[in-house]
Every structure is written in structure tokens, then in C-alpha cells.
C-alpha atoms as a PDB file:
ATOM      1  CA  UNK A   1       0.007  -0.330  -0.389  1.00  0.00           C
ATOM      2  CA  UNK A   2       1.408   3.289  -0.926  1.00  0.00           C
ATOM      3  CA  UNK A   3       2.308   5.266   1.899  1.00  0.00           C
ATOM      4  CA  UNK A   4       0.450   8.564   0.352  1.00  0.00           C
ATOM      5  CA  UNK A   5      -2.677   5.925   0.319  1.00  0.00           C
ATOM      6  CA  UNK A   6      -1.721   4.384   3.990  1.00  0.00           C
ATOM      7  CA  UNK A   7      -3.608   7.180   6.927  1.00  0.00           C
ATOM      8  CA  UNK A   8      -5.824   4.354   7.616  1.00  0.00           C
ATOM      9  CA  UNK A   9      -3.573   1.035   7.559  1.00  0.00           C
ATOM     10  CA  UNK A  10      -2.894  -0.185  10.959  1.00  0.00           C
ATOM     11  CA  UNK A  11      -6.209   0.126  11.531  1.00  0.00           C
ATOM     12  CA  UNK A  12      -7.652  -2.189   8.482  1.00  0.00           C
ATOM     13  CA  UNK A  13      -4.918  -4.729   8.963  1.00  0.00           C
ATOM     14  CA  UNK A  14      -5.658  -5.149  12.333  1.00  0.00           C
ATOM     15  CA  UNK A  15      -9.827  -5.602  11.380  1.00  0.00           C
ATOM     16  CA  UNK A  16      -8.386  -7.584   8.556  1.00  0.00           C
ATOM     17  CA  UNK A  17      -9.167  -5.661   6.008  1.00  0.00           C
ATOM     18  CA  UNK A  18      -6.580  -5.075   2.323  1.00  0.00           C
ATOM     19  CA  UNK A  19      -8.434  -4.104  -0.492  1.00  0.00           C
ATOM     20  CA  UNK A  20      -9.092  -6.951  -3.135  1.00  0.00           C
ATOM     21  CA  UNK A  21      -6.817  -5.275  -5.848  1.00  0.00           C
ATOM     22  CA  UNK A  22      -3.822  -5.529  -3.897  1.00  0.00           C
ATOM     23  CA  UNK A  23      -4.102  -8.923  -2.782  1.00  0.00           C
ATOM     24  CA  UNK A  24      -4.747 -10.113  -6.498  1.00  0.00           C
ATOM     25  CA  UNK A  25      -1.720  -7.822  -7.452  1.00  0.00           C
ATOM     26  CA  UNK A  26       0.250 -10.600  -4.504  1.00  0.00           C
ATOM     27  CA  UNK A  27      -0.691 -13.006  -5.603  1.00  0.00           C
ATOM     28  CA  UNK A  28      -0.350 -12.184  -9.531  1.00  0.00           C
ATOM     29  CA  UNK A  29       3.020 -11.657  -8.967  1.00  0.00           C
ATOM     30  CA  UNK A  30       4.424 -14.225  -6.767  1.00  0.00           C
ATOM     31  CA  UNK A  31       3.024 -16.402  -9.081  1.00  0.00           C
ATOM     32  CA  UNK A  32       4.893 -14.769 -12.332  1.00  0.00           C
ATOM     33  CA  UNK A  33       8.073 -14.362  -9.265  1.00  0.00           C
ATOM     34  CA  UNK A  34       7.230 -18.369  -7.823  1.00  0.00           C
ATOM     35  CA  UNK A  35       9.967 -20.190 -10.475  1.00  0.00           C
ATOM     36  CA  UNK A  36      12.628 -17.761 -10.220  1.00  0.00           C
ATOM     37  CA  UNK A  37      13.260 -18.109  -6.316  1.00  0.00           C
ATOM     38  CA  UNK A  38      16.601 -19.375  -5.459  1.00  0.00           C
ATOM     39  CA  UNK A  39      17.797 -20.693  -1.444  1.00  0.00           C
ATOM     40  CA  UNK A  40      19.022 -17.203  -0.299  1.00  0.00           C
ATOM     41  CA  UNK A  41      17.367 -14.243  -2.443  1.00  0.00           C
ATOM     42  CA  UNK A  42      18.020 -11.207  -1.936  1.00  0.00           C
ATOM     43  CA  UNK A  43      15.193  -8.610  -2.084  1.00  0.00           C
ATOM     44  CA  UNK A  44      14.741  -5.356  -2.790  1.00  0.00           C
ATOM     45  CA  UNK A  45      11.394  -4.094  -2.506  1.00  0.00           C
ATOM     46  CA  UNK A  46      11.173  -0.108  -3.943  1.00  0.00           C
ATOM     47  CA  UNK A  47       9.231   2.212  -3.532  1.00  0.00           C
ATOM     48  CA  UNK A  48       7.469  -0.166  -0.373  1.00  0.00           C
ATOM     49  CA  UNK A  49       4.871   1.925   1.283  1.00  0.00           C
ATOM     50  CA  UNK A  50       3.486   0.502   4.728  1.00  0.00           C
ATOM     51  CA  UNK A  51       4.899  -3.215   3.300  1.00  0.00           C
ATOM     52  CA  UNK A  52       2.408  -5.123   3.554  1.00  0.00           C
ATOM     53  CA  UNK A  53       3.749  -6.816  -0.113  1.00  0.00           C
ATOM     54  CA  UNK A  54       6.876  -7.722   1.636  1.00  0.00           C
ATOM     55  CA  UNK A  55       5.854  -9.373   4.488  1.00  0.00           C
ATOM     56  CA  UNK A  56       3.620 -11.634   2.065  1.00  0.00           C
ATOM     57  CA  UNK A  57       6.484 -12.871   0.530  1.00  0.00           C
ATOM     58  CA  UNK A  58       8.590 -13.345   3.834  1.00  0.00           C
ATOM     59  CA  UNK A  59       4.946 -15.819   4.818  1.00  0.00           C
ATOM     60  CA  UNK A  60       5.034 -17.234   1.508  1.00  0.00           C
ATOM     61  CA  UNK A  61       9.137 -18.322   0.346  1.00  0.00           C
ATOM     62  CA  UNK A  62      11.390 -19.390   2.843  1.00  0.00           C
ATOM     63  CA  UNK A  63      14.457 -19.530   0.381  1.00  0.00           C
ATOM     64  CA  UNK A  64      13.698 -15.879   1.192  1.00  0.00           C
ATOM     65  CA  UNK A  65      16.659 -14.555   3.240  1.00  0.00           C
ATOM     66  CA  UNK A  66      16.030 -10.812   3.707  1.00  0.00           C
ATOM     67  CA  UNK A  67      13.272  -8.141   2.575  1.00  0.00           C
ATOM     68  CA  UNK A  68      14.805  -4.862   2.558  1.00  0.00           C
ATOM     69  CA  UNK A  69      12.090  -1.927   1.862  1.00  0.00           C
ATOM     70  CA  UNK A  70      13.084   1.395   0.698  1.00  0.00           C
ATOM     71  CA  UNK A  71      10.558   4.087   0.500  1.00  0.00           C
ATOM     72  CA  UNK A  72      11.946   8.043   0.670  1.00  0.00           C
ATOM     73  CA  UNK A  73       8.346   8.130   2.879  1.00  0.00           C
ATOM     74  CA  UNK A  74       9.943   6.358   5.675  1.00  0.00           C
ATOM     75  CA  UNK A  75      11.090  10.354   7.923  1.00  0.00           C
ATOM     76  CA  UNK A  76       8.815   8.001  10.918  1.00  0.00           C
ATOM     77  CA  UNK A  77      11.444   6.347  12.567  1.00  0.00           C
ATOM     78  CA  UNK A  78       8.879   3.578  13.468  1.00  0.00           C
ATOM     79  CA  UNK A  79       9.082   2.544   9.597  1.00  0.00           C
ATOM     80  CA  UNK A  80      12.998   3.264   9.561  1.00  0.00           C
ATOM     81  CA  UNK A  81      14.252   0.305  11.301  1.00  0.00           C
ATOM     82  CA  UNK A  82      14.942  -3.658  11.056  1.00  0.00           C
ATOM     83  CA  UNK A  83      12.151  -5.472  11.915  1.00  0.00           C
ATOM     84  CA  UNK A  84      13.752  -9.227  12.687  1.00  0.00           C
ATOM     85  CA  UNK A  85      16.417 -10.552  10.589  1.00  0.00           C
ATOM     86  CA  UNK A  86      14.634 -10.999   7.609  1.00  0.00           C
ATOM     87  CA  UNK A  87      12.936  -7.706   7.411  1.00  0.00           C
ATOM     88  CA  UNK A  88      14.376  -4.266   7.353  1.00  0.00           C
ATOM     89  CA  UNK A  89      12.575  -0.670   6.670  1.00  0.00           C
ATOM     90  CA  UNK A  90      14.766   2.679   5.344  1.00  0.00           C
ATOM     91  CA  UNK A  91      14.673   4.919   4.101  1.00  0.00           C
ATOM     92  CA  UNK A  92      17.931   5.535   1.870  1.00  0.00           C
ATOM     93  CA  UNK A  93      18.560   3.667  -1.040  1.00  0.00           C
ATOM     94  CA  UNK A  94      20.703   0.808  -0.105  1.00  0.00           C
ATOM     95  CA  UNK A  95      24.148   0.241  -1.399  1.00  0.00           C
ATOM     96  CA  UNK A  96      24.375  -3.728  -1.527  1.00  0.00           C
ATOM     97  CA  UNK A  97      22.929  -5.487  -4.672  1.00  0.00           C
ATOM     98  CA  UNK A  98      20.382  -7.809  -4.873  1.00  0.00           C
ATOM     99  CA  UNK A  99      19.016 -11.043  -5.969  1.00  0.00           C
ATOM    100  CA  UNK A 100      15.184  -9.578  -6.859  1.00  0.00           C
ATOM    101  CA  UNK A 101      15.132  -5.740  -7.112  1.00  0.00           C
ATOM    102  CA  UNK A 102      10.957  -4.855  -7.357  1.00  0.00           C
ATOM    103  CA  UNK A 103       9.867  -1.431  -8.301  1.00  0.00           C
ATOM    104  CA  UNK A 104       5.902  -2.199  -8.735  1.00  0.00           C
ATOM    105  CA  UNK A 105       4.175   1.393  -9.207  1.00  0.00           C
ATOM    106  CA  UNK A 106       6.820   3.302  -8.493  1.00  0.00           C
ATOM    107  CA  UNK A 107       7.848   5.210 -10.835  1.00  0.00           C
ATOM    108  CA  UNK A 108       5.111   6.968 -12.628  1.00  0.00           C
ATOM    109  CA  UNK A 109       5.766   9.101  -8.775  1.00  0.00           C
ATOM    110  CA  UNK A 110       9.018   9.449  -9.932  1.00  0.00           C
ATOM    111  CA  UNK A 111       9.972  12.488 -12.421  1.00  0.00           C
ATOM    112  CA  UNK A 112      13.364  11.488 -13.840  1.00  0.00           C
ATOM    113  CA  UNK A 113      11.694   7.785 -14.565  1.00  0.00           C
ATOM    114  CA  UNK A 114      14.642   6.520 -16.048  1.00  0.00           C
ATOM    115  CA  UNK A 115      18.288   8.122 -14.159  1.00  0.00           C
ATOM    116  CA  UNK A 116      16.492   6.272 -10.894  1.00  0.00           C
ATOM    117  CA  UNK A 117      16.036   2.895 -12.764  1.00  0.00           C
ATOM    118  CA  UNK A 118      19.260   2.838 -14.272  1.00  0.00           C
ATOM    119  CA  UNK A 119      20.805   4.111 -10.823  1.00  0.00           C
ATOM    120  CA  UNK A 120      19.337   1.335  -8.987  1.00  0.00           C
ATOM    121  CA  UNK A 121      20.186  -1.101 -11.948  1.00  0.00           C
ATOM    122  CA  UNK A 122      23.904  -0.139 -11.278  1.00  0.00           C
ATOM    123  CA  UNK A 123      24.120   0.247  -7.876  1.00  0.00           C
ATOM    124  CA  UNK A 124      21.887  -2.638  -6.549  1.00  0.00           C
ATOM    125  CA  UNK A 125      20.964  -5.707  -9.103  1.00  0.00           C
ATOM    126  CA  UNK A 126      22.928  -8.803  -8.466  1.00  0.00           C
ATOM    127  CA  UNK A 127      24.631 -10.345 -11.526  1.00  0.00           C
ATOM    128  CA  UNK A 128      21.860 -12.725 -13.443  1.00  0.00           C
ATOM    129  CA  UNK A 129      19.534 -11.063 -11.091  1.00  0.00           C
ATOM    130  CA  UNK A 130      15.723 -10.512 -11.891  1.00  0.00           C
ATOM    131  CA  UNK A 131      13.535  -6.891 -11.623  1.00  0.00           C
ATOM    132  CA  UNK A 132      10.437  -6.885 -11.190  1.00  0.00           C
ATOM    133  CA  UNK A 133       8.063  -3.343 -12.679  1.00  0.00           C
ATOM    134  CA  UNK A 134       4.775  -2.294 -12.507  1.00  0.00           C
ATOM    135  CA  UNK A 135       3.028   0.238 -13.631  1.00  0.00           C
ATOM    136  CA  UNK A 136      -0.640   2.013 -14.428  1.00  0.00           C
ATOM    137  CA  UNK A 137      -1.188   1.895 -18.425  1.00  0.00           C
ATOM    138  CA  UNK A 138      -2.501   4.166 -21.132  1.00  0.00           C
ATOM    139  CA  UNK A 139      -1.291   8.459 -20.712  1.00  0.00           C
ATOM    140  CA  UNK A 140      -5.057   8.995 -22.707  1.00  0.00           C
ATOM    141  CA  UNK A 141      -6.280   7.802 -18.990  1.00  0.00           C
ATOM    142  CA  UNK A 142      -4.272  10.046 -16.508  1.00  0.00           C
ATOM    143  CA  UNK A 143      -6.871  11.996 -14.557  1.00  0.00           C
ATOM    144  CA  UNK A 144      -8.009  13.177 -10.912  1.00  0.00           C
ATOM    145  CA  UNK A 145      -7.240   9.911  -9.215  1.00  0.00           C
ATOM    146  CA  UNK A 146      -3.630   9.873 -10.661  1.00  0.00           C
ATOM    147  CA  UNK A 147      -3.279  13.606  -9.391  1.00  0.00           C
ATOM    148  CA  UNK A 148      -4.152  12.270  -5.721  1.00  0.00           C
ATOM    149  CA  UNK A 149      -1.887   9.426  -5.827  1.00  0.00           C
ATOM    150  CA  UNK A 150       1.298  12.042  -7.061  1.00  0.00           C
ATOM    151  CA  UNK A 151       1.389  10.202 -10.187  1.00  0.00           C
ATOM    152  CA  UNK A 152       3.348  12.333 -13.206  1.00  0.00           C
ATOM    153  CA  UNK A 153       2.987   9.887 -15.886  1.00  0.00           C
ATOM    154  CA  UNK A 154       1.151   6.236 -17.357  1.00  0.00           C
ATOM    155  CA  UNK A 155       2.723   4.029 -19.975  1.00  0.00           C
ATOM    156  CA  UNK A 156       1.948   2.532 -23.128  1.00  0.00           C
ATOM    157  CA  UNK A 157       3.896  -1.214 -23.585  1.00  0.00           C
ATOM    158  CA  UNK A 158       6.393   0.807 -25.979  1.00  0.00           C
ATOM    159  CA  UNK A 159       7.031   3.998 -22.981  1.00  0.00           C
ATOM    160  CA  UNK A 160       7.913   0.585 -21.044  1.00  0.00           C
ATOM    161  CA  UNK A 161      10.154  -1.317 -22.673  1.00  0.00           C
ATOM    162  CA  UNK A 162      11.873   1.815 -23.776  1.00  0.00           C
ATOM    163  CA  UNK A 163      12.690   2.620 -20.422  1.00  0.00           C
ATOM    164  CA  UNK A 164      14.096  -0.643 -19.481  1.00  0.00           C
ATOM    165  CA  UNK A 165      16.822  -0.720 -22.309  1.00  0.00           C
ATOM    166  CA  UNK A 166      17.871   2.245 -21.306  1.00  0.00           C
ATOM    167  CA  UNK A 167      18.797   0.701 -17.711  1.00  0.00           C
ATOM    168  CA  UNK A 168      20.719  -2.002 -19.496  1.00  0.00           C
ATOM    169  CA  UNK A 169      17.581  -4.604 -19.032  1.00  0.00           C
ATOM    170  CA  UNK A 170      16.240  -7.393 -21.689  1.00  0.00           C
ATOM    171  CA  UNK A 171      12.187  -8.194 -21.420  1.00  0.00           C
ATOM    172  CA  UNK A 172      12.053 -12.183 -20.184  1.00  0.00           C
ATOM    173  CA  UNK A 173       8.688 -11.290 -19.635  1.00  0.00           C
ATOM    174  CA  UNK A 174       5.625  -9.095 -19.519  1.00  0.00           C
ATOM    175  CA  UNK A 175       1.733  -8.085 -20.495  1.00  0.00           C
ATOM    176  CA  UNK A 176      -1.208  -6.319 -18.645  1.00  0.00           C
ATOM    177  CA  UNK A 177      -2.761  -6.981 -15.749  1.00  0.00           C
ATOM    178  CA  UNK A 178      -6.498  -5.754 -14.147  1.00  0.00           C
ATOM    179  CA  UNK A 179      -7.654  -6.150 -17.737  1.00  0.00           C
ATOM    180  CA  UNK A 180     -11.309  -5.767 -16.201  1.00  0.00           C
ATOM    181  CA  UNK A 181     -10.733  -2.502 -14.907  1.00  0.00           C
ATOM    182  CA  UNK A 182      -9.543  -1.136 -17.537  1.00  0.00           C
ATOM    183  CA  UNK A 183     -13.323  -0.061 -19.002  1.00  0.00           C
ATOM    184  CA  UNK A 184     -14.595   1.033 -15.506  1.00  0.00           C
ATOM    185  CA  UNK A 185     -11.702   3.935 -15.386  1.00  0.00           C
ATOM    186  CA  UNK A 186     -11.735   4.809 -19.124  1.00  0.00           C
ATOM    187  CA  UNK A 187     -15.724   5.972 -18.458  1.00  0.00           C
ATOM    188  CA  UNK A 188     -14.620   7.222 -15.681  1.00  0.00           C
ATOM    189  CA  UNK A 189     -12.092   9.639 -17.494  1.00  0.00           C
ATOM    190  CA  UNK A 190     -14.464  10.332 -20.325  1.00  0.00           C
ATOM    191  CA  UNK A 191     -16.807  11.635 -17.211  1.00  0.00           C
ATOM    192  CA  UNK A 192     -14.811  13.615 -15.607  1.00  0.00           C
ATOM    193  CA  UNK A 193     -13.320  15.419 -18.678  1.00  0.00           C
ATOM    194  CA  UNK A 194     -17.189  16.115 -19.931  1.00  0.00           C
ATOM    195  CA  UNK A 195     -18.231  17.343 -16.584  1.00  0.00           C
ATOM    196  CA  UNK A 196     -15.725  18.461 -15.164  1.00  0.00           C
ATOM    197  CA  UNK A 197     -16.258  17.685 -11.085  1.00  0.00           C
ATOM    198  CA  UNK A 198     -14.919  14.283 -10.002  1.00  0.00           C
ATOM    199  CA  UNK A 199     -16.080  11.875  -6.615  1.00  0.00           C
ATOM    200  CA  UNK A 200     -13.826  11.957  -3.349  1.00  0.00           C
ATOM    201  CA  UNK A 201     -10.672  11.087  -4.385  1.00  0.00           C
ATOM    202  CA  UNK A 202     -10.051   7.387  -1.759  1.00  0.00           C
ATOM    203  CA  UNK A 203      -7.061   5.461  -1.442  1.00  0.00           C
ATOM    204  CA  UNK A 204      -6.716   1.709  -0.859  1.00  0.00           C
ATOM    205  CA  UNK A 205      -6.956   2.282   2.972  1.00  0.00           C
ATOM    206  CA  UNK A 206     -10.383   2.974   2.889  1.00  0.00           C
ATOM    207  CA  UNK A 207     -11.752  -0.354   1.420  1.00  0.00           C
ATOM    208  CA  UNK A 208     -13.825  -1.470   4.309  1.00  0.00           C
ATOM    209  CA  UNK A 209     -16.385  -3.687   2.945  1.00  0.00           C
ATOM    210  CA  UNK A 210     -17.295  -6.807   4.005  1.00  0.00           C
ATOM    211  CA  UNK A 211     -16.075 -10.478   3.783  1.00  0.00           C
ATOM    212  CA  UNK A 212     -19.309 -10.803   1.576  1.00  0.00           C
ATOM    213  CA  UNK A 213     -18.340  -8.293  -1.330  1.00  0.00           C
ATOM    214  CA  UNK A 214     -14.706  -8.588  -0.737  1.00  0.00           C
ATOM    215  CA  UNK A 215     -14.520 -12.504  -1.333  1.00  0.00           C
ATOM    216  CA  UNK A 216     -16.842 -12.011  -4.787  1.00  0.00           C
ATOM    217  CA  UNK A 217     -14.293  -9.110  -6.128  1.00  0.00           C
ATOM    218  CA  UNK A 218     -10.916 -10.814  -5.322  1.00  0.00           C
ATOM    219  CA  UNK A 219     -12.898 -13.166  -7.054  1.00  0.00           C
ATOM    220  CA  UNK A 220     -14.077 -11.420 -10.357  1.00  0.00           C
ATOM    221  CA  UNK A 221     -10.236 -10.212  -9.713  1.00  0.00           C
ATOM    222  CA  UNK A 222      -8.607 -13.412  -9.675  1.00  0.00           C
ATOM    223  CA  UNK A 223     -10.326 -14.906 -12.357  1.00  0.00           C
ATOM    224  CA  UNK A 224      -8.702 -11.221 -14.092  1.00  0.00           C
ATOM    225  CA  UNK A 225      -5.601 -12.058 -13.587  1.00  0.00           C
ATOM    226  CA  UNK A 226      -5.624 -15.691 -14.754  1.00  0.00           C
ATOM    227  CA  UNK A 227      -6.119 -14.342 -18.477  1.00  0.00           C
ATOM    228  CA  UNK A 228      -3.351 -12.088 -17.772  1.00  0.00           C
ATOM    229  CA  UNK A 229      -0.869 -14.783 -17.107  1.00  0.00           C
ATOM    230  CA  UNK A 230      -2.515 -16.921 -20.023  1.00  0.00           C
ATOM    231  CA  UNK A 231      -2.070 -13.959 -21.892  1.00  0.00           C
ATOM    232  CA  UNK A 232       1.931 -13.331 -21.562  1.00  0.00           C
ATOM    233  CA  UNK A 233       2.514 -16.924 -21.564  1.00  0.00           C
ATOM    234  CA  UNK A 234       0.751 -17.048 -25.063  1.00  0.00           C
ATOM    235  CA  UNK A 235       3.037 -13.821 -25.499  1.00  0.00           C
ATOM    236  CA  UNK A 236       0.097 -11.646 -26.214  1.00  0.00           C
ATOM    237  CA  UNK A 237      -0.543  -7.885 -25.126  1.00  0.00           C
ATOM    238  CA  UNK A 238      -3.978  -7.544 -24.415  1.00  0.00           C
ATOM    239  CA  UNK A 239      -4.353  -4.064 -21.937  1.00  0.00           C
ATOM    240  CA  UNK A 240      -5.323  -3.881 -18.745  1.00  0.00           C
ATOM    241  CA  UNK A 241      -5.354  -0.929 -16.444  1.00  0.00           C
ATOM    242  CA  UNK A 242      -1.991  -1.411 -15.349  1.00  0.00           C
ATOM    243  CA  UNK A 243       1.751  -3.152 -17.463  1.00  0.00           C
ATOM    244  CA  UNK A 244       4.116  -5.108 -16.468  1.00  0.00           C
ATOM    245  CA  UNK A 245       7.913  -6.014 -17.256  1.00  0.00           C
ATOM    246  CA  UNK A 246      10.000  -8.890 -15.439  1.00  0.00           C
ATOM    247  CA  UNK A 247      13.530  -7.848 -16.736  1.00  0.00           C
ATOM    248  CA  UNK A 248      17.259  -8.439 -16.285  1.00  0.00           C
ATOM    249  CA  UNK A 249      20.706  -7.024 -16.514  1.00  0.00           C
ATOM    250  CA  UNK A 250      21.060  -7.222 -21.060  1.00  0.00           C
ATOM    251  CA  UNK A 251      23.328 -10.034 -22.059  1.00  0.00           C
ATOM    252  CA  UNK A 252      22.991 -12.339 -18.441  1.00  0.00           C
END
């Protein structure tokens, strides 16, 4: 969960609530990464937010030796601390190398995205390591919600590929994600531009629906994500509300 959205995070986590989109995103990327884990892998989660994704990785993969959550928003002393031997939060870029680097919905927050990504690859990517990136897709869908989340841009498939090539990375796998959410977001953007008004902007931490609604939406997103995974395996670049790439250093 992005720190911009996490004002209610602690309260909602204690009550057992996480947005079904967030849970679905974890399950999808966990599947993307699943075959690539090796014993002792270290993970750098860039822009980790409240660290929920990292915590789930540690719960699901005992071969992961350590996850470092790096987020410039960790200004509060309660965030920038070690939390056991396998999890650490830091507000500063680490100097060590990692076998896996995650930039999940991060680059859209950075004005100089190409230089930022290249700097992380040069300083933090271990030999034969992998980088997993996700971004919001399609600039025509840029809306008040993006401004609320402090996004600079959205990306097309080609823009994302050009970006990773500029960091001396090559794409191993890629695709769209959350295909079923693309049309509702497009209709919302059309409404915003036609009528010059939007509803109140809320983040993931505002989710407080009951288990029935959460379960139904979670099931629908699970089906959506299954198709996303299959499309990627088949090499089909099917548009979604998000885009993603799994990369490695060119030539390795």
C-alpha cells in the first residue's frame, strides 16, 4: 500500500481488511516470480509503502533470506527500523546487491524515471538478478486519481520497454494486468472530462466492505489475473489498467 494511501492502514490491518485489488496484485506477481526463487535470495522492494507486499513474500517463501523495504516516505522512526533478521525498512538507498528488485507502481511517482531506474540497476542488481516492474497503463487515462496519488505519467507497452532498455535491461516476460478494470476507468475519465467533476478521491486504505463483497471482487480479480498470466505465457500483449515487465541485465 502506497504511503500516500495509508492513513488508515494500521487500523484496517488490525481489522483484517486489505483491498481485494492489493491482494490480487500480490497473488499475480507471486505467481510471476514463483519459478525464479533460489535459496538465499535477497529482495529490494523499492517504494515499498507500508511493507505489506514484502511481509507476504516472507510468509510465502522461506528461501528468501532478506527483504529490504526502501521508501523515501519512511521519515517516521517507527518505519525506518529493522523488523527481525529477514525484514528491514530504510529511507535511504541501500548499497548492497539483490537477486530480486521490485518496483511495483513506483516509477510513475518519479519525475526522472529513466535515471532513477538506471541508478538502481547499477547500484543494487546482483549478477543474473531480476527486476520486476509494474506501472499504471495508458496516458489517455490520466485523471484526478493519478493526481491524487502524485503520478507524473502513465505508460504504454512500448514506453515501458524503451524505459527498461535505457537501464541496460532486457525483458524476460511482460503483459497487461487488471483487464476488467480498464473499461470502468475509461468511463470514469470520460465522465470527469465531460462534466468537469469527480467524486471524492480515496485510497486503498479506505476499503472497509464486508467479507462477502470483498470475496466476490477478489474472485473476479483472480479470474482476471489468471487470464493475464495466460496472455503473458502466450506472448499476447492484451491491454489492462496496469502493465508489467520482468527483466534481467542485458546479456546475462
